[in-house]
PDB file of all heavy atoms in Angstrom:
ATOM      1  N   GLY A   1      83.550 110.984  93.521  1.00  0.00           N
ATOM      2  CA  GLY A   1      84.680 110.054  93.592  1.00  0.00           C
ATOM      3  C   GLY A   1      84.936 109.444  92.224  1.00  0.00           C
ATOM      4  O   GLY A   1      84.018 109.345  91.403  1.00  0.00           O
ATOM      5  N   GLY A   2      86.164 109.032  91.999  1.00  0.00           N
ATOM      6  CA  GLY A   2      86.550 108.535  90.675  1.00  0.00           C
ATOM      7  C   GLY A   2      86.091 107.111  90.395  1.00  0.00           C
ATOM      8  O   GLY A   2      86.025 106.682  89.242  1.00  0.00           O
ATOM      9  N   THR A   3      85.765 106.343  91.448  1.00  0.00           N
ATOM     10  CA  THR A   3      85.326 104.959  91.255  1.00  0.00           C
ATOM     11  C   THR A   3      83.994 104.760  91.975  1.00  0.00           C
ATOM     12  O   THR A   3      83.611 105.572  92.827  1.00  0.00           O
ATOM     13  CB  THR A   3      86.348 103.965  91.855  1.00  0.00           C
ATOM     14  OG1 THR A   3      86.396 104.197  93.285  1.00  0.00           O
ATOM     15  CG2 THR A   3      87.724 104.139  91.253  1.00  0.00           C
ATOM     16  N   THR A   4      83.324 103.648  91.646  1.00  0.00           N
ATOM     17  CA  THR A   4      82.049 103.337  92.305  1.00  0.00           C
ATOM     18  C   THR A   4      82.244 103.232  93.814  1.00  0.00           C
ATOM     19  O   THR A   4      81.430 103.732  94.603  1.00  0.00           O
ATOM     20  CB  THR A   4      81.495 101.986  91.773  1.00  0.00           C
ATOM     21  OG1 THR A   4      81.527 102.026  90.361  1.00  0.00           O
ATOM     22  CG2 THR A   4      80.074 101.758  92.218  1.00  0.00           C
ATOM     23  N   THR A   5      83.358 102.618  94.223  1.00  0.00           N
ATOM     24  CA  THR A   5      83.634 102.442  95.663  1.00  0.00           C
ATOM     25  C   THR A   5      83.868 103.789  96.338  1.00  0.00           C
ATOM     26  O   THR A   5      83.358 104.048  97.439  1.00  0.00           O
ATOM     27  CB  THR A   5      84.867 101.535  95.851  1.00  0.00           C
ATOM     28  OG1 THR A   5      84.673 100.356  95.077  1.00  0.00           O
ATOM     29  CG2 THR A   5      85.071 101.158  97.302  1.00  0.00           C
ATOM     30  N   ALA A   6      84.630 104.666  95.659  1.00  0.00           N
ATOM     31  CA  ALA A   6      84.908 106.000  96.232  1.00  0.00           C
ATOM     32  C   ALA A   6      83.612 106.805  96.360  1.00  0.00           C
ATOM     33  O   ALA A   6      83.398 107.507  97.357  1.00  0.00           O
ATOM     34  CB  ALA A   6      85.913 106.738  95.357  1.00  0.00           C
ATOM     35  N   ARG A   7      82.750 106.676  95.356  1.00  0.00           N
ATOM     36  CA  ARG A   7      81.474 107.411  95.406  1.00  0.00           C
ATOM     37  C   ARG A   7      80.598 106.872  96.536  1.00  0.00           C
ATOM     38  O   ARG A   7      79.970 107.645  97.263  1.00  0.00           O
ATOM     39  CB  ARG A   7      80.746 107.321  94.059  1.00  0.00           C
ATOM     40  CG  ARG A   7      81.425 108.142  92.970  1.00  0.00           C
ATOM     41  CD  ARG A   7      80.554 108.291  91.737  1.00  0.00           C
ATOM     42  NE  ARG A   7      80.440 107.081  90.941  1.00  0.00           N
ATOM     43  CZ  ARG A   7      81.314 106.703  90.021  1.00  0.00           C
ATOM     44  NH1 ARG A   7      82.395 107.444  89.780  1.00  0.00           N
ATOM     45  NH2 ARG A   7      81.115 105.607  89.319  1.00  0.00           N
ATOM     46  N   ALA A   8      80.585 105.546  96.683  1.00  0.00           N
ATOM     47  CA  ALA A   8      79.793 104.939  97.770  1.00  0.00           C
ATOM     48  C   ALA A   8      80.302 105.410  99.130  1.00  0.00           C
ATOM     49  O   ALA A   8      79.521 105.694 100.047  1.00  0.00           O
ATOM     50  CB  ALA A   8      79.861 103.419  97.677  1.00  0.00           C
ATOM     51  N   LYS A   9      81.641 105.551  99.258  1.00  0.00           N
ATOM     52  CA  LYS A   9      82.236 106.025 100.522  1.00  0.00           C
ATOM     53  C   LYS A   9      81.777 107.461 100.815  1.00  0.00           C
ATOM     54  O   LYS A   9      81.395 107.792 101.941  1.00  0.00           O
ATOM     55  CB  LYS A   9      83.761 105.959 100.427  1.00  0.00           C
ATOM     56  CG  LYS A   9      84.472 106.379 101.712  1.00  0.00           C
ATOM     57  CD  LYS A   9      85.984 106.186 101.600  1.00  0.00           C
ATOM     58  CE  LYS A   9      86.701 106.545 102.902  1.00  0.00           C
ATOM     59  NZ  LYS A   9      86.576 107.961 103.258  1.00  0.00           N
ATOM     60  N   ALA A  10      81.788 108.302  99.769  1.00  0.00           N
ATOM     61  CA  ALA A  10      81.350 109.695  99.949  1.00  0.00           C
ATOM     62  C   ALA A  10      79.884 109.740 100.372  1.00  0.00           C
ATOM     63  O   ALA A  10      79.495 110.516 101.258  1.00  0.00           O
ATOM     64  CB  ALA A  10      81.551 110.480  98.652  1.00  0.00           C
ATOM     65  N   LEU A  11      79.056 108.877  99.782  1.00  0.00           N
ATOM     66  CA  LEU A  11      77.630 108.855 100.114  1.00  0.00           C
ATOM     67  C   LEU A  11      77.393 108.345 101.532  1.00  0.00           C
ATOM     68  O   LEU A  11      76.521 108.850 102.238  1.00  0.00           O
ATOM     69  CB  LEU A  11      76.860 107.996  99.103  1.00  0.00           C
ATOM     70  CG  LEU A  11      76.800 108.569  97.678  1.00  0.00           C
ATOM     71  CD1 LEU A  11      76.288 107.523  96.692  1.00  0.00           C
ATOM     72  CD2 LEU A  11      75.927 109.818  97.622  1.00  0.00           C
ATOM     73  N   THR A  12      78.219 107.361 101.966  1.00  0.00           N
ATOM     74  CA  THR A  12      78.051 106.873 103.346  1.00  0.00           C
ATOM     75  C   THR A  12      78.429 107.965 104.342  1.00  0.00           C
ATOM     76  O   THR A  12      77.837 108.062 105.414  1.00  0.00           O
ATOM     77  CB  THR A  12      78.893 105.606 103.631  1.00  0.00           C
ATOM     78  OG1 THR A  12      80.261 105.886 103.403  1.00  0.00           O
ATOM     79  CG2 THR A  12      78.447 104.437 102.783  1.00  0.00           C
ATOM     80  N   GLU A  13      79.398 108.808 103.988  1.00  0.00           N
ATOM     81  CA  GLU A  13      79.765 109.928 104.882  1.00  0.00           C
ATOM     82  C   GLU A  13      78.592 110.907 105.008  1.00  0.00           C
ATOM     83  O   GLU A  13      78.328 111.443 106.089  1.00  0.00           O
ATOM     84  CB  GLU A  13      81.007 110.649 104.337  1.00  0.00           C
ATOM     85  CG  GLU A  13      82.288 109.864 104.574  1.00  0.00           C
ATOM     86  CD  GLU A  13      83.513 110.517 103.942  1.00  0.00           C
ATOM     87  OE1 GLU A  13      83.354 111.318 103.001  1.00  0.00           O
ATOM     88  OE2 GLU A  13      84.623 110.209 104.392  1.00  0.00           O
ATOM     89  N   ILE A  14      77.898 111.132 103.887  1.00  0.00           N
ATOM     90  CA  ILE A  14      76.734 112.039 103.933  1.00  0.00           C
ATOM     91  C   ILE A  14      75.627 111.414 104.777  1.00  0.00           C
ATOM     92  O   ILE A  14      74.990 112.096 105.585  1.00  0.00           O
ATOM     93  CB  ILE A  14      76.233 112.365 102.510  1.00  0.00           C
ATOM     94  CG1 ILE A  14      77.316 113.102 101.709  1.00  0.00           C
ATOM     95  CG2 ILE A  14      74.979 113.241 102.575  1.00  0.00           C
ATOM     96  CD1 ILE A  14      77.021 113.263 100.228  1.00  0.00           C
ATOM     97  N   VAL A  15      75.422 110.109 104.622  1.00  0.00           N
ATOM     98  CA  VAL A  15      74.409 109.413 105.432  1.00  0.00           C
ATOM     99  C   VAL A  15      74.743 109.552 106.916  1.00  0.00           C
ATOM    100  O   VAL A  15      73.872 109.865 107.741  1.00  0.00           O
ATOM    101  CB  VAL A  15      74.307 107.919 105.031  1.00  0.00           C
ATOM    102  CG1 VAL A  15      73.502 107.125 106.064  1.00  0.00           C
ATOM    103  CG2 VAL A  15      73.645 107.785 103.668  1.00  0.00           C
ATOM    104  N   ASN A  16      76.011 109.338 107.266  1.00  0.00           N
ATOM    105  CA  ASN A  16      76.435 109.502 108.666  1.00  0.00           C
ATOM    106  C   ASN A  16      76.159 110.904 109.180  1.00  0.00           C
ATOM    107  O   ASN A  16      75.679 111.094 110.299  1.00  0.00           O
ATOM    108  CB  ASN A  16      77.937 109.192 108.806  1.00  0.00           C
ATOM    109  CG  ASN A  16      78.187 107.702 108.929  1.00  0.00           C
ATOM    110  OD1 ASN A  16      77.397 106.983 109.530  1.00  0.00           O
ATOM    111  ND2 ASN A  16      79.280 107.230 108.349  1.00  0.00           N
ATOM    112  N   LEU A  17      76.462 111.892 108.339  1.00  0.00           N
ATOM    113  CA  LEU A  17      76.250 113.293 108.725  1.00  0.00           C
ATOM    114  C   LEU A  17      74.759 113.562 108.948  1.00  0.00           C
ATOM    115  O   LEU A  17      74.361 114.115 109.979  1.00  0.00           O
ATOM    116  CB  LEU A  17      76.814 114.213 107.634  1.00  0.00           C
ATOM    117  CG  LEU A  17      76.480 115.702 107.707  1.00  0.00           C
ATOM    118  CD1 LEU A  17      76.920 116.305 109.030  1.00  0.00           C
ATOM    119  CD2 LEU A  17      77.133 116.459 106.561  1.00  0.00           C
ATOM    120  N   VAL A  18      73.930 113.139 107.990  1.00  0.00           N
ATOM    121  CA  VAL A  18      72.487 113.394 108.080  1.00  0.00           C
ATOM    122  C   VAL A  18      71.879 112.627 109.259  1.00  0.00           C
ATOM    123  O   VAL A  18      70.972 113.114 109.930  1.00  0.00           O
ATOM    124  CB  VAL A  18      71.784 113.040 106.742  1.00  0.00           C
ATOM    125  CG1 VAL A  18      70.267 113.053 106.886  1.00  0.00           C
ATOM    126  CG2 VAL A  18      72.214 114.018 105.654  1.00  0.00           C
ATOM    127  N   ASP A  19      72.422 111.439 109.553  1.00  0.00           N
ATOM    128  CA  ASP A  19      71.885 110.644 110.656  1.00  0.00           C
ATOM    129  C   ASP A  19      72.175 111.279 112.013  1.00  0.00           C
ATOM    130  O   ASP A  19      71.471 111.033 112.985  1.00  0.00           O
ATOM    131  CB  ASP A  19      72.462 109.221 110.607  1.00  0.00           C
ATOM    132  CG  ASP A  19      71.666 108.270 111.485  1.00  0.00           C
ATOM    133  OD1 ASP A  19      70.422 108.212 111.317  1.00  0.00           O
ATOM    134  OD2 ASP A  19      72.260 107.615 112.357  1.00  0.00           O
ATOM    135  N   GLN A  20      73.218 112.112 112.075  1.00  0.00           N
ATOM    136  CA  GLN A  20      73.564 112.770 113.350  1.00  0.00           C
ATOM    137  C   GLN A  20      72.650 113.950 113.675  1.00  0.00           C
ATOM    138  O   GLN A  20      72.636 114.447 114.791  1.00  0.00           O
ATOM    139  CB  GLN A  20      74.990 113.325 113.277  1.00  0.00           C
ATOM    140  CG  GLN A  20      76.066 112.270 113.344  1.00  0.00           C
ATOM    141  CD  GLN A  20      77.428 112.920 113.102  1.00  0.00           C
ATOM    142  OE1 GLN A  20      77.693 114.024 113.564  1.00  0.00           O
ATOM    143  NE2 GLN A  20      78.270 112.236 112.350  1.00  0.00           N
ATOM    144  N   ILE A  21      71.929 114.433 112.673  1.00  0.00           N
ATOM    145  CA  ILE A  21      71.124 115.643 112.883  1.00  0.00           C
ATOM    146  C   ILE A  21      70.007 115.360 113.881  1.00  0.00           C
ATOM    147  O   ILE A  21      69.241 114.406 113.730  1.00  0.00           O
ATOM    148  CB  ILE A  21      70.513 116.130 111.548  1.00  0.00           C
ATOM    149  CG1 ILE A  21      71.614 116.487 110.551  1.00  0.00           C
ATOM    150  CG2 ILE A  21      69.593 117.331 111.773  1.00  0.00           C
ATOM    151  CD1 ILE A  21      71.112 116.767 109.146  1.00  0.00           C
ATOM    152  N   GLU A  22      69.948 116.201 114.910  1.00  0.00           N
ATOM    153  CA  GLU A  22      68.841 116.088 115.869  1.00  0.00           C
ATOM    154  C   GLU A  22      67.672 116.887 115.310  1.00  0.00           C
ATOM    155  O   GLU A  22      67.826 118.053 114.973  1.00  0.00           O
ATOM    156  CB  GLU A  22      69.255 116.691 117.211  1.00  0.00           C
ATOM    157  CG  GLU A  22      70.383 115.962 117.902  1.00  0.00           C
ATOM    158  CD  GLU A  22      70.882 116.769 119.095  1.00  0.00           C
ATOM    159  OE1 GLU A  22      70.097 116.927 120.044  1.00  0.00           O
ATOM    160  OE2 GLU A  22      72.019 117.242 119.058  1.00  0.00           O
ATOM    161  N   TYR A  23      66.526 116.233 115.202  1.00  0.00           N
ATOM    162  CA  TYR A  23      65.369 116.894 114.603  1.00  0.00           C
ATOM    163  C   TYR A  23      64.461 117.574 115.625  1.00  0.00           C
ATOM    164  O   TYR A  23      63.462 118.153 115.274  1.00  0.00           O
ATOM    165  CB  TYR A  23      64.539 115.874 113.810  1.00  0.00           C
ATOM    166  CG  TYR A  23      65.131 115.510 112.469  1.00  0.00           C
ATOM    167  CD1 TYR A  23      66.343 116.037 112.039  1.00  0.00           C
ATOM    168  CD2 TYR A  23      64.468 114.638 111.621  1.00  0.00           C
ATOM    169  CE1 TYR A  23      66.877 115.696 110.815  1.00  0.00           C
ATOM    170  CE2 TYR A  23      64.998 114.293 110.386  1.00  0.00           C
ATOM    171  CZ  TYR A  23      66.198 114.827 109.989  1.00  0.00           C
ATOM    172  OH  TYR A  23      66.722 114.501 108.770  1.00  0.00           O
ATOM    173  N   LYS A  24      64.834 117.464 116.898  1.00  0.00           N
ATOM    174  CA  LYS A  24      63.981 118.072 117.940  1.00  0.00           C
ATOM    175  C   LYS A  24      64.829 119.013 118.786  1.00  0.00           C
ATOM    176  O   LYS A  24      66.012 118.775 118.997  1.00  0.00           O
ATOM    177  CB  LYS A  24      63.418 116.975 118.852  1.00  0.00           C
ATOM    178  CG  LYS A  24      62.586 115.911 118.135  1.00  0.00           C
ATOM    179  CD  LYS A  24      61.122 116.246 118.183  1.00  0.00           C
ATOM    180  CE  LYS A  24      60.249 115.093 117.717  1.00  0.00           C
ATOM    181  NZ  LYS A  24      60.138 114.952 116.281  1.00  0.00           N
ATOM    182  N   ASP A  25      64.191 120.095 119.273  1.00  0.00           N
ATOM    183  CA  ASP A  25      64.931 120.986 120.172  1.00  0.00           C
ATOM    184  C   ASP A  25      64.800 120.488 121.613  1.00  0.00           C
ATOM    185  O   ASP A  25      64.236 119.415 121.866  1.00  0.00           O
ATOM    186  CB  ASP A  25      64.468 122.445 120.014  1.00  0.00           C
ATOM    187  CG  ASP A  25      63.027 122.659 120.478  1.00  0.00           C
ATOM    188  OD1 ASP A  25      62.444 121.735 121.093  1.00  0.00           O
ATOM    189  OD2 ASP A  25      62.484 123.741 120.232  1.00  0.00           O
ATOM    190  N   GLU A  26      65.313 121.286 122.562  1.00  0.00           N
ATOM    191  CA  GLU A  26      65.320 120.820 123.956  1.00  0.00           C
ATOM    192  C   GLU A  26      63.912 120.629 124.531  1.00  0.00           C
ATOM    193  O   GLU A  26      63.719 119.937 125.518  1.00  0.00           O
ATOM    194  CB  GLU A  26      66.149 121.758 124.870  1.00  0.00           C
ATOM    195  CG  GLU A  26      65.858 123.235 124.752  1.00  0.00           C
ATOM    196  CD  GLU A  26      66.516 123.894 123.530  1.00  0.00           C
ATOM    197  OE1 GLU A  26      67.321 123.255 122.839  1.00  0.00           O
ATOM    198  OE2 GLU A  26      66.189 125.062 123.264  1.00  0.00           O
ATOM    199  N   ASN A  27      62.893 121.236 123.892  1.00  0.00           N
ATOM    200  CA  ASN A  27      61.508 121.043 124.355  1.00  0.00           C
ATOM    201  C   ASN A  27      60.787 119.951 123.570  1.00  0.00           C
ATOM    202  O   ASN A  27      59.575 119.794 123.690  1.00  0.00           O
ATOM    203  CB  ASN A  27      60.718 122.358 124.208  1.00  0.00           C
ATOM    204  CG  ASN A  27      61.389 123.483 124.955  1.00  0.00           C
ATOM    205  OD1 ASN A  27      61.820 123.287 126.085  1.00  0.00           O
ATOM    206  ND2 ASN A  27      61.505 124.653 124.340  1.00  0.00           N
ATOM    207  N   GLY A  28      61.540 119.232 122.746  1.00  0.00           N
ATOM    208  CA  GLY A  28      60.922 118.152 121.957  1.00  0.00           C
ATOM    209  C   GLY A  28      60.179 118.647 120.729  1.00  0.00           C
ATOM    210  O   GLY A  28      59.461 117.909 120.075  1.00  0.00           O
ATOM    211  N   LYS A  29      60.351 119.942 120.402  1.00  0.00           N
ATOM    212  CA  LYS A  29      59.639 120.519 119.251  1.00  0.00           C
ATOM    213  C   LYS A  29      60.413 120.196 117.971  1.00  0.00           C
ATOM    214  O   LYS A  29      61.635 120.268 117.944  1.00  0.00           O
ATOM    215  CB  LYS A  29      59.548 122.039 119.451  1.00  0.00           C
ATOM    216  CG  LYS A  29      58.614 122.735 118.502  1.00  0.00           C
ATOM    217  CD  LYS A  29      58.300 124.154 119.018  1.00  0.00           C
ATOM    218  CE  LYS A  29      57.448 124.920 118.018  1.00  0.00           C
ATOM    219  NZ  LYS A  29      58.231 125.649 117.031  1.00  0.00           N
ATOM    220  N   ASP A  30      59.676 119.859 116.930  1.00  0.00           N
ATOM    221  CA  ASP A  30      60.306 119.500 115.660  1.00  0.00           C
ATOM    222  C   ASP A  30      60.925 120.744 115.010  1.00  0.00           C
ATOM    223  O   ASP A  30      60.234 121.718 114.747  1.00  0.00           O
ATOM    224  CB  ASP A  30      59.231 118.908 114.731  1.00  0.00           C
ATOM    225  CG  ASP A  30      59.840 118.306 113.482  1.00  0.00           C
ATOM    226  OD1 ASP A  30      61.024 118.563 113.231  1.00  0.00           O
ATOM    227  OD2 ASP A  30      59.130 117.584 112.757  1.00  0.00           O
ATOM    228  N   ILE A  31      62.244 120.706 114.782  1.00  0.00           N
ATOM    229  CA  ILE A  31      62.904 121.865 114.164  1.00  0.00           C
ATOM    230  C   ILE A  31      63.497 121.506 112.799  1.00  0.00           C
ATOM    231  O   ILE A  31      64.295 122.239 112.244  1.00  0.00           O
ATOM    232  CB  ILE A  31      64.018 122.448 115.084  1.00  0.00           C
ATOM    233  CG1 ILE A  31      64.957 121.331 115.559  1.00  0.00           C
ATOM    234  CG2 ILE A  31      63.426 123.228 116.226  1.00  0.00           C
ATOM    235  CD1 ILE A  31      66.195 121.831 116.291  1.00  0.00           C
ATOM    236  N   LEU A  32      63.047 120.363 112.266  1.00  0.00           N
ATOM    237  CA  LEU A  32      63.583 119.905 110.994  1.00  0.00           C
ATOM    238  C   LEU A  32      63.408 120.939 109.881  1.00  0.00           C
ATOM    239  O   LEU A  32      64.343 121.243 109.139  1.00  0.00           O
ATOM    240  CB  LEU A  32      62.884 118.601 110.593  1.00  0.00           C
ATOM    241  CG  LEU A  32      63.232 118.050 109.223  1.00  0.00           C
ATOM    242  CD1 LEU A  32      64.708 117.752 109.142  1.00  0.00           C
ATOM    243  CD2 LEU A  32      62.439 116.801 108.936  1.00  0.00           C
ATOM    244  N   GLY A  33      62.200 121.489 109.783  1.00  0.00           N
ATOM    245  CA  GLY A  33      61.930 122.479 108.746  1.00  0.00           C
ATOM    246  C   GLY A  33      62.861 123.671 108.847  1.00  0.00           C
ATOM    247  O   GLY A  33      63.379 124.164 107.842  1.00  0.00           O
ATOM    248  N   ARG A  34      63.101 124.113 110.077  1.00  0.00           N
ATOM    249  CA  ARG A  34      63.977 125.276 110.279  1.00  0.00           C
ATOM    250  C   ARG A  34      65.413 124.961 109.869  1.00  0.00           C
ATOM    251  O   ARG A  34      66.101 125.786 109.274  1.00  0.00           O
ATOM    252  CB  ARG A  34      63.929 125.730 111.741  1.00  0.00           C
ATOM    253  CG  ARG A  34      62.671 126.523 112.061  1.00  0.00           C
ATOM    254  CD  ARG A  34      62.651 126.946 113.510  1.00  0.00           C
ATOM    255  NE  ARG A  34      63.775 127.809 113.838  1.00  0.00           N
ATOM    256  CZ  ARG A  34      64.237 127.970 115.072  1.00  0.00           C
ATOM    257  NH1 ARG A  34      63.683 127.328 116.083  1.00  0.00           N
ATOM    258  NH2 ARG A  34      65.257 128.767 115.305  1.00  0.00           N
ATOM    259  N   ILE A  35      65.859 123.748 110.212  1.00  0.00           N
ATOM    260  CA  ILE A  35      67.220 123.347 109.842  1.00  0.00           C
ATOM    261  C   ILE A  35      67.351 123.324 108.320  1.00  0.00           C
ATOM    262  O   ILE A  35      68.323 123.810 107.744  1.00  0.00           O
ATOM    263  CB  ILE A  35      67.564 121.959 110.436  1.00  0.00           C
ATOM    264  CG1 ILE A  35      67.621 122.038 111.964  1.00  0.00           C
ATOM    265  CG2 ILE A  35      68.882 121.439 109.886  1.00  0.00           C
ATOM    266  CD1 ILE A  35      67.713 120.691 112.653  1.00  0.00           C
ATOM    267  N   TYR A  36      66.335 122.774 107.682  1.00  0.00           N
ATOM    268  CA  TYR A  36      66.329 122.675 106.218  1.00  0.00           C
ATOM    269  C   TYR A  36      66.409 124.060 105.585  1.00  0.00           C
ATOM    270  O   TYR A  36      67.183 124.314 104.671  1.00  0.00           O
ATOM    271  CB  TYR A  36      65.040 121.966 105.788  1.00  0.00           C
ATOM    272  CG  TYR A  36      65.151 121.225 104.476  1.00  0.00           C
ATOM    273  CD1 TYR A  36      65.877 120.046 104.390  1.00  0.00           C
ATOM    274  CD2 TYR A  36      64.512 121.682 103.328  1.00  0.00           C
ATOM    275  CE1 TYR A  36      65.963 119.334 103.206  1.00  0.00           C
ATOM    276  CE2 TYR A  36      64.593 120.984 102.139  1.00  0.00           C
ATOM    277  CZ  TYR A  36      65.321 119.808 102.083  1.00  0.00           C
ATOM    278  OH  TYR A  36      65.402 119.121 100.915  1.00  0.00           O
ATOM    279  N   GLU A  37      65.608 124.976 106.135  1.00  0.00           N
ATOM    280  CA  GLU A  37      65.575 126.344 105.596  1.00  0.00           C
ATOM    281  C   GLU A  37      66.915 127.054 105.828  1.00  0.00           C
ATOM    282  O   GLU A  37      67.409 127.761 104.961  1.00  0.00           O
ATOM    283  CB  GLU A  37      64.428 127.104 106.280  1.00  0.00           C
ATOM    284  CG  GLU A  37      64.057 128.408 105.620  1.00  0.00           C
ATOM    285  CD  GLU A  37      63.286 128.245 104.322  1.00  0.00           C
ATOM    286  OE1 GLU A  37      62.785 127.146 104.038  1.00  0.00           O
ATOM    287  OE2 GLU A  37      63.200 129.227 103.584  1.00  0.00           O
ATOM    288  N   TYR A  38      67.503 126.861 107.005  1.00  0.00           N
ATOM    289  CA  TYR A  38      68.825 127.439 107.284  1.00  0.00           C
ATOM    290  C   TYR A  38      69.857 126.946 106.276  1.00  0.00           C
ATOM    291  O   TYR A  38      70.674 127.701 105.773  1.00  0.00           O
ATOM    292  CB  TYR A  38      69.315 127.034 108.680  1.00  0.00           C
ATOM    293  CG  TYR A  38      68.900 127.929 109.814  1.00  0.00           C
ATOM    294  CD1 TYR A  38      68.489 127.394 111.028  1.00  0.00           C
ATOM    295  CD2 TYR A  38      68.951 129.314 109.696  1.00  0.00           C
ATOM    296  CE1 TYR A  38      68.110 128.207 112.095  1.00  0.00           C
ATOM    297  CE2 TYR A  38      68.570 130.126 110.755  1.00  0.00           C
ATOM    298  CZ  TYR A  38      68.149 129.564 111.943  1.00  0.00           C
ATOM    299  OH  TYR A  38      67.783 130.369 112.984  1.00  0.00           O
ATOM    300  N   LEU A  39      69.808 125.640 105.995  1.00  0.00           N
ATOM    301  CA  LEU A  39      70.783 125.076 105.060  1.00  0.00           C
ATOM    302  C   LEU A  39      70.583 125.638 103.658  1.00  0.00           C
ATOM    303  O   LEU A  39      71.545 125.954 102.961  1.00  0.00           O
ATOM    304  CB  LEU A  39      70.680 123.543 105.040  1.00  0.00           C
ATOM    305  CG  LEU A  39      71.345 122.833 106.223  1.00  0.00           C
ATOM    306  CD1 LEU A  39      71.090 121.342 106.165  1.00  0.00           C
ATOM    307  CD2 LEU A  39      72.854 123.092 106.255  1.00  0.00           C
ATOM    308  N   ILE A  40      69.323 125.766 103.243  1.00  0.00           N
ATOM    309  CA  ILE A  40      69.052 126.356 101.927  1.00  0.00           C
ATOM    310  C   ILE A  40      69.640 127.766 101.875  1.00  0.00           C
ATOM    311  O   ILE A  40      70.281 128.161 100.910  1.00  0.00           O
ATOM    312  CB  ILE A  40      67.531 126.380 101.627  1.00  0.00           C
ATOM    313  CG1 ILE A  40      67.033 124.958 101.380  1.00  0.00           C
ATOM    314  CG2 ILE A  40      67.222 127.247 100.412  1.00  0.00           C
ATOM    315  CD1 ILE A  40      65.524 124.840 101.193  1.00  0.00           C
ATOM    316  N   LYS A  41      69.460 128.506 102.971  1.00  0.00           N
ATOM    317  CA  LYS A  41      69.981 129.880 103.027  1.00  0.00           C
ATOM    318  C   LYS A  41      71.512 129.884 102.959  1.00  0.00           C
ATOM    319  O   LYS A  41      72.113 130.704 102.253  1.00  0.00           O
ATOM    320  CB  LYS A  41      69.510 130.543 104.321  1.00  0.00           C
ATOM    321  CG  LYS A  41      69.942 131.995 104.443  1.00  0.00           C
ATOM    322  CD  LYS A  41      69.551 132.587 105.778  1.00  0.00           C
ATOM    323  CE  LYS A  41      70.146 133.970 105.903  1.00  0.00           C
ATOM    324  NZ  LYS A  41      70.003 134.534 107.228  1.00  0.00           N
ATOM    325  N   GLU A  42      72.145 128.984 103.715  1.00  0.00           N
ATOM    326  CA  GLU A  42      73.614 128.920 103.701  1.00  0.00           C
ATOM    327  C   GLU A  42      74.142 128.573 102.307  1.00  0.00           C
ATOM    328  O   GLU A  42      75.083 129.177 101.813  1.00  0.00           O
ATOM    329  CB  GLU A  42      74.129 127.878 104.706  1.00  0.00           C
ATOM    330  CG  GLU A  42      74.027 128.290 106.150  1.00  0.00           C
ATOM    331  CD  GLU A  42      74.853 129.523 106.479  1.00  0.00           C
ATOM    332  OE1 GLU A  42      75.901 129.744 105.854  1.00  0.00           O
ATOM    333  OE2 GLU A  42      74.435 130.284 107.363  1.00  0.00           O
ATOM    334  N   PHE A  43      73.493 127.590 101.665  1.00  0.00           N
ATOM    335  CA  PHE A  43      73.910 127.226 100.310  1.00  0.00           C
ATOM    336  C   PHE A  43      73.682 128.404  99.360  1.00  0.00           C
ATOM    337  O   PHE A  43      74.464 128.634  98.453  1.00  0.00           O
ATOM    338  CB  PHE A  43      73.159 125.984  99.822  1.00  0.00           C
ATOM    339  CG  PHE A  43      73.716 124.693 100.366  1.00  0.00           C
ATOM    340  CD1 PHE A  43      72.948 123.853 101.165  1.00  0.00           C
ATOM    341  CD2 PHE A  43      75.013 124.312 100.076  1.00  0.00           C
ATOM    342  CE1 PHE A  43      73.468 122.665 101.675  1.00  0.00           C
ATOM    343  CE2 PHE A  43      75.555 123.121 100.582  1.00  0.00           C
ATOM    344  CZ  PHE A  43      74.773 122.303 101.375  1.00  0.00           C
ATOM    345  N   ALA A  44      72.587 129.147  99.603  1.00  0.00           N
ATOM    346  CA  ALA A  44      72.291 130.301  98.750  1.00  0.00           C
ATOM    347  C   ALA A  44      73.371 131.369  98.894  1.00  0.00           C
ATOM    348  O   ALA A  44      73.908 131.858  97.902  1.00  0.00           O
ATOM    349  CB  ALA A  44      70.929 130.886  99.116  1.00  0.00           C
TER     350      ALA A  44
END
């Protein structure tokens, strides 16, 4: 963003996005690592 306020707004959107991520599957198993790896692959 071009200003401090605009940059803060962009960062709050990322925080909102990351906060929505469910870290457990339907059996309560932690899938955080898998999500992280998938994202690395997608970015790659």
